Amino acid sequence: MDLAWLGAGIGAGIAVIGAGLGIGKLAGSALEAMGRQPEAAGPIRTAMIIAAALIEGVAFFALVICILLAVKA
């Protein structure tokens, strides 16, 4: 029973770290692309926001799964 909470905590931590690394890499690449080609900043920004939302959605899904597994056990 206690190990379920531990597993959920570790899983949630991994999900958050993965999302943070993904969004950091995404933002860094987008800013570099905007710096190289400023006239394309609008479409790059739009694509970056959509991709960040998808990354956050996957992280949120992982957190919900971790919580459900911890509560079920």
PDB file of N, CA and C in Angstrom:
ATOM      1  N   MET A   1       0.832  -1.189   0.000  1.00  0.00           N
ATOM      2  CA  MET A   1       0.000   0.000   0.000  1.00  0.00           C
ATOM      3  C   MET A   1       0.876   1.253   0.000  1.00  0.00           C
ATOM      4  N   ASP A   2       1.898   1.261   0.847  1.00  0.00           N
ATOM      5  CA  ASP A   2       2.777   2.423   0.904  1.00  0.00           C
ATOM      6  C   ASP A   2       3.630   2.541  -0.352  1.00  0.00           C
ATOM      7  N   LEU A   3       3.940   1.406  -0.959  1.00  0.00           N
ATOM      8  CA  LEU A   3       4.759   1.447  -2.163  1.00  0.00           C
ATOM      9  C   LEU A   3       4.006   2.036  -3.350  1.00  0.00           C
ATOM     10  N   ALA A   4       2.675   1.948  -3.337  1.00  0.00           N
ATOM     11  CA  ALA A   4       1.889   2.559  -4.415  1.00  0.00           C
ATOM     12  C   ALA A   4       2.071   4.073  -4.401  1.00  0.00           C
ATOM     13  N   TRP A   5       2.055   4.650  -3.214  1.00  0.00           N
ATOM     14  CA  TRP A   5       2.256   6.107  -3.109  1.00  0.00           C
ATOM     15  C   TRP A   5       3.667   6.484  -3.526  1.00  0.00           C
ATOM     16  N   LEU A   6       4.628   5.657  -3.153  1.00  0.00           N
ATOM     17  CA  LEU A   6       6.006   5.919  -3.552  1.00  0.00           C
ATOM     18  C   LEU A   6       6.155   5.838  -5.063  1.00  0.00           C
ATOM     19  N   GLY A   7       5.576   4.797  -5.659  1.00  0.00           N
ATOM     20  CA  GLY A   7       5.631   4.649  -7.116  1.00  0.00           C
ATOM     21  C   GLY A   7       4.938   5.794  -7.831  1.00  0.00           C
ATOM     22  N   ALA A   8       3.793   6.225  -7.284  1.00  0.00           N
ATOM     23  CA  ALA A   8       3.072   7.349  -7.891  1.00  0.00           C
ATOM     24  C   ALA A   8       3.885   8.631  -7.786  1.00  0.00           C
ATOM     25  N   GLY A   9       4.553   8.828  -6.669  1.00  0.00           N
ATOM     26  CA  GLY A   9       5.387  10.017  -6.501  1.00  0.00           C
ATOM     27  C   GLY A   9       6.565  10.022  -7.455  1.00  0.00           C
ATOM     28  N   ILE A  10       7.205   8.875  -7.605  1.00  0.00           N
ATOM     29  CA  ILE A  10       8.332   8.778  -8.533  1.00  0.00           C
ATOM     30  C   ILE A  10       7.858   8.973  -9.968  1.00  0.00           C
ATOM     31  N   GLY A  11       6.726   8.351 -10.314  1.00  0.00           N
ATOM     32  CA  GLY A  11       6.183   8.511 -11.666  1.00  0.00           C
ATOM     33  C   GLY A  11       5.799   9.946 -11.963  1.00  0.00           C
ATOM     34  N   ALA A  12       5.188  10.622 -10.991  1.00  0.00           N
ATOM     35  CA  ALA A  12       4.810  12.021 -11.182  1.00  0.00           C
ATOM     36  C   ALA A  12       6.058  12.885 -11.341  1.00  0.00           C
ATOM     37  N   GLY A  13       7.076  12.602 -10.559  1.00  0.00           N
ATOM     38  CA  GLY A  13       8.325  13.360 -10.673  1.00  0.00           C
ATOM     39  C   GLY A  13       8.976  13.185 -12.034  1.00  0.00           C
ATOM     40  N   ILE A  14       8.984  11.966 -12.530  1.00  0.00           N
ATOM     41  CA  ILE A  14       9.568  11.705 -13.849  1.00  0.00           C
ATOM     42  C   ILE A  14       8.760  12.414 -14.933  1.00  0.00           C
ATOM     43  N   ALA A  15       7.426  12.394 -14.798  1.00  0.00           N
ATOM     44  CA  ALA A  15       6.570  13.063 -15.788  1.00  0.00           C
ATOM     45  C   ALA A  15       6.831  14.565 -15.807  1.00  0.00           C
ATOM     46  N   VAL A  16       6.964  15.163 -14.641  1.00  0.00           N
ATOM     47  CA  VAL A  16       7.195  16.609 -14.565  1.00  0.00           C
ATOM     48  C   VAL A  16       8.579  16.967 -15.095  1.00  0.00           C
ATOM     49  N   ILE A  17       9.572  16.159 -14.763  1.00  0.00           N
ATOM     50  CA  ILE A  17      10.921  16.412 -15.274  1.00  0.00           C
ATOM     51  C   ILE A  17      10.951  16.283 -16.795  1.00  0.00           C
ATOM     52  N   GLY A  18      10.284  15.255 -17.319  1.00  0.00           N
ATOM     53  CA  GLY A  18      10.234  15.079 -18.766  1.00  0.00           C
ATOM     54  C   GLY A  18       9.546  16.239 -19.462  1.00  0.00           C
ATOM     55  N   ALA A  19       8.451  16.705 -18.889  1.00  0.00           N
ATOM     56  CA  ALA A  19       7.741  17.843 -19.479  1.00  0.00           C
ATOM     57  C   ALA A  19       8.605  19.103 -19.427  1.00  0.00           C
ATOM     58  N   GLY A  20       9.278  19.316 -18.324  1.00  0.00           N
ATOM     59  CA  GLY A  20      10.145  20.488 -18.201  1.00  0.00           C
ATOM     60  C   GLY A  20      11.283  20.461 -19.205  1.00  0.00           C
ATOM     61  N   LEU A  21      11.889  19.305 -19.378  1.00  0.00           N
ATOM     62  CA  LEU A  21      12.977  19.189 -20.358  1.00  0.00           C
ATOM     63  C   LEU A  21      12.449  19.384 -21.781  1.00  0.00           C
ATOM     64  N   GLY A  22      11.278  18.823 -22.063  1.00  0.00           N
ATOM     65  CA  GLY A  22      10.705  18.964 -23.396  1.00  0.00           C
ATOM     66  C   GLY A  22      10.359  20.397 -23.733  1.00  0.00           C
ATOM     67  N   ILE A  23       9.728  21.095 -22.794  1.00  0.00           N
ATOM     68  CA  ILE A  23       9.355  22.482 -23.045  1.00  0.00           C
ATOM     69  C   ILE A  23      10.599  23.367 -23.109  1.00  0.00           C
ATOM     70  N   GLY A  24      11.594  23.075 -22.307  1.00  0.00           N
ATOM     71  CA  GLY A  24      12.838  23.838 -22.363  1.00  0.00           C
ATOM     72  C   GLY A  24      13.534  23.689 -23.705  1.00  0.00           C
ATOM     73  N   LYS A  25      13.600  22.467 -24.210  1.00  0.00           N
ATOM     74  CA  LYS A  25      14.212  22.237 -25.520  1.00  0.00           C
ATOM     75  C   LYS A  25      13.384  22.895 -26.621  1.00  0.00           C
ATOM     76  N   LEU A  26      12.070  22.809 -26.500  1.00  0.00           N
ATOM     77  CA  LEU A  26      11.185  23.431 -27.480  1.00  0.00           C
ATOM     78  C   LEU A  26      11.364  24.943 -27.514  1.00  0.00           C
ATOM     79  N   ALA A  27      11.362  25.572 -26.353  1.00  0.00           N
ATOM     80  CA  ALA A  27      11.499  27.028 -26.290  1.00  0.00           C
ATOM     81  C   ALA A  27      12.873  27.473 -26.783  1.00  0.00           C
ATOM     82  N   GLY A  28      13.912  26.751 -26.415  1.00  0.00           N
ATOM     83  CA  GLY A  28      15.256  27.102 -26.871  1.00  0.00           C
ATOM     84  C   GLY A  28      15.377  27.035 -28.383  1.00  0.00           C
ATOM     85  N   SER A  29      14.833  25.974 -28.963  1.00  0.00           N
ATOM     86  CA  SER A  29      14.898  25.837 -30.418  1.00  0.00           C
ATOM     87  C   SER A  29      14.063  26.910 -31.115  1.00  0.00           C
ATOM     88  N   ALA A  30      12.901  27.211 -30.557  1.00  0.00           N
ATOM     89  CA  ALA A  30      12.039  28.227 -31.171  1.00  0.00           C
ATOM     90  C   ALA A  30      12.688  29.605 -31.093  1.00  0.00           C
ATOM     91  N   LEU A  31      13.280  29.933 -29.965  1.00  0.00           N
ATOM     92  CA  LEU A  31      13.927  31.240 -29.844  1.00  0.00           C
ATOM     93  C   LEU A  31      15.136  31.353 -30.768  1.00  0.00           C
ATOM     94  N   GLU A  32      15.862  30.257 -30.918  1.00  0.00           N
ATOM     95  CA  GLU A  32      16.996  30.265 -31.847  1.00  0.00           C
ATOM     96  C   GLU A  32      16.499  30.461 -33.279  1.00  0.00           C
ATOM     97  N   ALA A  33      15.407  29.796 -33.629  1.00  0.00           N
ATOM     98  CA  ALA A  33      14.851  29.948 -34.974  1.00  0.00           C
ATOM     99  C   ALA A  33      14.347  31.373 -35.197  1.00  0.00           C
ATOM    100  N   MET A  34      13.737  31.968 -34.179  1.00  0.00           N
ATOM    101  CA  MET A  34      13.270  33.353 -34.305  1.00  0.00           C
ATOM    102  C   MET A  34      14.447  34.320 -34.440  1.00  0.00           C
ATOM    103  N   GLY A  35      15.527  34.022 -33.760  1.00  0.00           N
ATOM    104  CA  GLY A  35      16.711  34.869 -33.867  1.00  0.00           C
ATOM    105  C   GLY A  35      17.348  34.792 -35.238  1.00  0.00           C
ATOM    106  N   ARG A  36      17.306  33.612 -35.841  1.00  0.00           N
ATOM    107  CA  ARG A  36      17.899  33.448 -37.165  1.00  0.00           C
ATOM    108  C   ARG A  36      16.998  34.011 -38.267  1.00  0.00           C
ATOM    109  N   GLN A  37      15.681  33.943 -38.049  1.00  0.00           N
ATOM    110  CA  GLN A  37      14.747  34.377 -39.087  1.00  0.00           C
ATOM    111  C   GLN A  37      13.599  35.149 -38.419  1.00  0.00           C
ATOM    112  N   PRO A  38      13.811  36.407 -38.079  1.00  0.00           N
ATOM    113  CA  PRO A  38      12.812  37.180 -37.330  1.00  0.00           C
ATOM    114  C   PRO A  38      11.477  37.341 -38.049  1.00  0.00           C
ATOM    115  N   GLU A  39      11.493  37.319 -39.372  1.00  0.00           N
ATOM    116  CA  GLU A  39      10.228  37.495 -40.084  1.00  0.00           C
ATOM    117  C   GLU A  39       9.295  36.297 -39.940  1.00  0.00           C
ATOM    118  N   ALA A  40       9.812  35.164 -39.498  1.00  0.00           N
ATOM    119  CA  ALA A  40       8.998  33.967 -39.300  1.00  0.00           C
ATOM    120  C   ALA A  40       8.615  33.786 -37.835  1.00  0.00           C
ATOM    121  N   ALA A  41       8.757  34.814 -37.029  1.00  0.00           N
ATOM    122  CA  ALA A  41       8.517  34.683 -35.589  1.00  0.00           C
ATOM    123  C   ALA A  41       7.067  34.314 -35.275  1.00  0.00           C
ATOM    124  N   GLY A  42       6.113  34.869 -36.022  1.00  0.00           N
ATOM    125  CA  GLY A  42       4.701  34.589 -35.751  1.00  0.00           C
ATOM    126  C   GLY A  42       4.343  33.118 -35.892  1.00  0.00           C
ATOM    127  N   PRO A  43       4.613  32.507 -37.053  1.00  0.00           N
ATOM    128  CA  PRO A  43       4.303  31.080 -37.196  1.00  0.00           C
ATOM    129  C   PRO A  43       5.108  30.188 -36.253  1.00  0.00           C
ATOM    130  N   ILE A  44       6.345  30.562 -35.978  1.00  0.00           N
ATOM    131  CA  ILE A  44       7.156  29.765 -35.050  1.00  0.00           C
ATOM    132  C   ILE A  44       6.552  29.821 -33.652  1.00  0.00           C
ATOM    133  N   ARG A  45       6.135  31.011 -33.231  1.00  0.00           N
ATOM    134  CA  ARG A  45       5.526  31.176 -31.912  1.00  0.00           C
ATOM    135  C   ARG A  45       4.238  30.348 -31.799  1.00  0.00           C
ATOM    136  N   THR A  46       3.424  30.377 -32.864  1.00  0.00           N
ATOM    137  CA  THR A  46       2.180  29.610 -32.854  1.00  0.00           C
ATOM    138  C   THR A  46       2.463  28.114 -32.737  1.00  0.00           C
ATOM    139  N   ALA A  47       3.409  27.626 -33.519  1.00  0.00           N
ATOM    140  CA  ALA A  47       3.765  26.203 -33.461  1.00  0.00           C
ATOM    141  C   ALA A  47       4.338  25.845 -32.095  1.00  0.00           C
ATOM    142  N   MET A  48       5.115  26.758 -31.506  1.00  0.00           N
ATOM    143  CA  MET A  48       5.692  26.507 -30.191  1.00  0.00           C
ATOM    144  C   MET A  48       4.604  26.389 -29.127  1.00  0.00           C
ATOM    145  N   ILE A  49       3.613  27.262 -29.179  1.00  0.00           N
ATOM    146  CA  ILE A  49       2.537  27.223 -28.179  1.00  0.00           C
ATOM    147  C   ILE A  49       1.721  25.945 -28.318  1.00  0.00           C
ATOM    148  N   ILE A  50       1.439  25.530 -29.551  1.00  0.00           N
ATOM    149  CA  ILE A  50       0.687  24.286 -29.762  1.00  0.00           C
ATOM    150  C   ILE A  50       1.482  23.092 -29.257  1.00  0.00           C
ATOM    151  N   ALA A  51       2.762  23.042 -29.563  1.00  0.00           N
ATOM    152  CA  ALA A  51       3.596  21.925 -29.107  1.00  0.00           C
ATOM    153  C   ALA A  51       3.724  21.919 -27.585  1.00  0.00           C
ATOM    154  N   ALA A  52       3.844  23.088 -26.971  1.00  0.00           N
ATOM    155  CA  ALA A  52       3.934  23.161 -25.510  1.00  0.00           C
ATOM    156  C   ALA A  52       2.635  22.670 -24.871  1.00  0.00           C
ATOM    157  N   ALA A  53       1.506  23.002 -25.478  1.00  0.00           N
ATOM    158  CA  ALA A  53       0.227  22.529 -24.953  1.00  0.00           C
ATOM    159  C   ALA A  53       0.134  21.008 -25.044  1.00  0.00           C
ATOM    160  N   LEU A  54       0.628  20.432 -26.132  1.00  0.00           N
ATOM    161  CA  LEU A  54       0.617  18.974 -26.261  1.00  0.00           C
ATOM    162  C   LEU A  54       1.522  18.318 -25.221  1.00  0.00           C
ATOM    163  N   ILE A  55       2.674  18.907 -24.988  1.00  0.00           N
ATOM    164  CA  ILE A  55       3.586  18.366 -23.972  1.00  0.00           C
ATOM    165  C   ILE A  55       2.938  18.441 -22.591  1.00  0.00           C
ATOM    166  N   GLU A  56       2.315  19.567 -22.278  1.00  0.00           N
ATOM    167  CA  GLU A  56       1.642  19.711 -20.987  1.00  0.00           C
ATOM    168  C   GLU A  56       0.485  18.727 -20.850  1.00  0.00           C
ATOM    169  N   GLY A  57      -0.215  18.475 -21.950  1.00  0.00           N
ATOM    170  CA  GLY A  57      -1.312  17.513 -21.918  1.00  0.00           C
ATOM    171  C   GLY A  57      -0.829  16.112 -21.593  1.00  0.00           C
ATOM    172  N   VAL A  58       0.278  15.717 -22.193  1.00  0.00           N
ATOM    173  CA  VAL A  58       0.839  14.388 -21.906  1.00  0.00           C
ATOM    174  C   VAL A  58       1.316  14.314 -20.459  1.00  0.00           C
ATOM    175  N   ALA A  59       1.935  15.376 -19.970  1.00  0.00           N
ATOM    176  CA  ALA A  59       2.396  15.390 -18.573  1.00  0.00           C
ATOM    177  C   ALA A  59       1.211  15.319 -17.617  1.00  0.00           C
ATOM    178  N   PHE A  60       0.141  16.051 -17.913  1.00  0.00           N
ATOM    179  CA  PHE A  60      -1.054  16.019 -17.075  1.00  0.00           C
ATOM    180  C   PHE A  60      -1.674  14.630 -17.079  1.00  0.00           C
ATOM    181  N   PHE A  61      -1.720  13.988 -18.248  1.00  0.00           N
ATOM    182  CA  PHE A  61      -2.242  12.627 -18.341  1.00  0.00           C
ATOM    183  C   PHE A  61      -1.413  11.669 -17.484  1.00  0.00           C
ATOM    184  N   ALA A  62      -0.096  11.806 -17.535  1.00  0.00           N
ATOM    185  CA  ALA A  62       0.778  10.940 -16.731  1.00  0.00           C
ATOM    186  C   ALA A  62       0.544  11.160 -15.239  1.00  0.00           C
ATOM    187  N   LEU A  63       0.352  12.413 -14.836  1.00  0.00           N
ATOM    188  CA  LEU A  63       0.092  12.691 -13.429  1.00  0.00           C
ATOM    189  C   LEU A  63      -1.242  12.095 -12.986  1.00  0.00           C
ATOM    190  N   VAL A  64      -2.260  12.179 -13.830  1.00  0.00           N
ATOM    191  CA  VAL A  64      -3.558  11.610 -13.486  1.00  0.00           C
ATOM    192  C   VAL A  64      -3.444  10.088 -13.357  1.00  0.00           C
ATOM    193  N   ILE A  65      -2.727   9.449 -14.248  1.00  0.00           N
ATOM    194  CA  ILE A  65      -2.526   8.005 -14.157  1.00  0.00           C
ATOM    195  C   ILE A  65      -1.806   7.642 -12.868  1.00  0.00           C
ATOM    196  N   CYS A  66      -0.792   8.405 -12.496  1.00  0.00           N
ATOM    197  CA  CYS A  66      -0.064   8.148 -11.251  1.00  0.00           C
ATOM    198  C   CYS A  66      -0.992   8.267 -10.042  1.00  0.00           C
ATOM    199  N   ILE A  67      -1.831   9.286 -10.040  1.00  0.00           N
ATOM    200  CA  ILE A  67      -2.763   9.469  -8.923  1.00  0.00           C
ATOM    201  C   ILE A  67      -3.768   8.334  -8.871  1.00  0.00           C
ATOM    202  N   LEU A  68      -4.302   7.935 -10.026  1.00  0.00           N
ATOM    203  CA  LEU A  68      -5.267   6.832 -10.052  1.00  0.00           C
ATOM    204  C   LEU A  68      -4.652   5.529  -9.572  1.00  0.00           C
ATOM    205  N   LEU A  69      -3.409   5.264  -9.956  1.00  0.00           N
ATOM    206  CA  LEU A  69      -2.738   4.044  -9.500  1.00  0.00           C
ATOM    207  C   LEU A  69      -2.484   4.082  -8.003  1.00  0.00           C
ATOM    208  N   ALA A  70      -2.171   5.250  -7.461  1.00  0.00           N
ATOM    209  CA  ALA A  70      -1.909   5.356  -6.027  1.00  0.00           C
ATOM    210  C   ALA A  70      -3.198   5.193  -5.229  1.00  0.00           C
ATOM    211  N   VAL A  71      -4.291   5.733  -5.736  1.00  0.00           N
ATOM    212  CA  VAL A  71      -5.560   5.657  -4.999  1.00  0.00           C
ATOM    213  C   VAL A  71      -6.142   4.250  -5.096  1.00  0.00           C
ATOM    214  N   LYS A  72      -5.924   3.591  -6.233  1.00  0.00           N
ATOM    215  CA  LYS A  72      -6.478   2.241  -6.428  1.00  0.00           C
ATOM    216  C   LYS A  72      -5.831   1.220  -5.511  1.00  0.00           C
ATOM    217  N   ALA A  73      -4.554   1.363  -5.257  1.00  0.00           N
ATOM    218  CA  ALA A  73      -3.826   0.360  -4.464  1.00  0.00           C
ATOM    219  C   ALA A  73      -4.169   0.438  -2.994  1.00  0.00           C
TER     220      ALA A  73
END
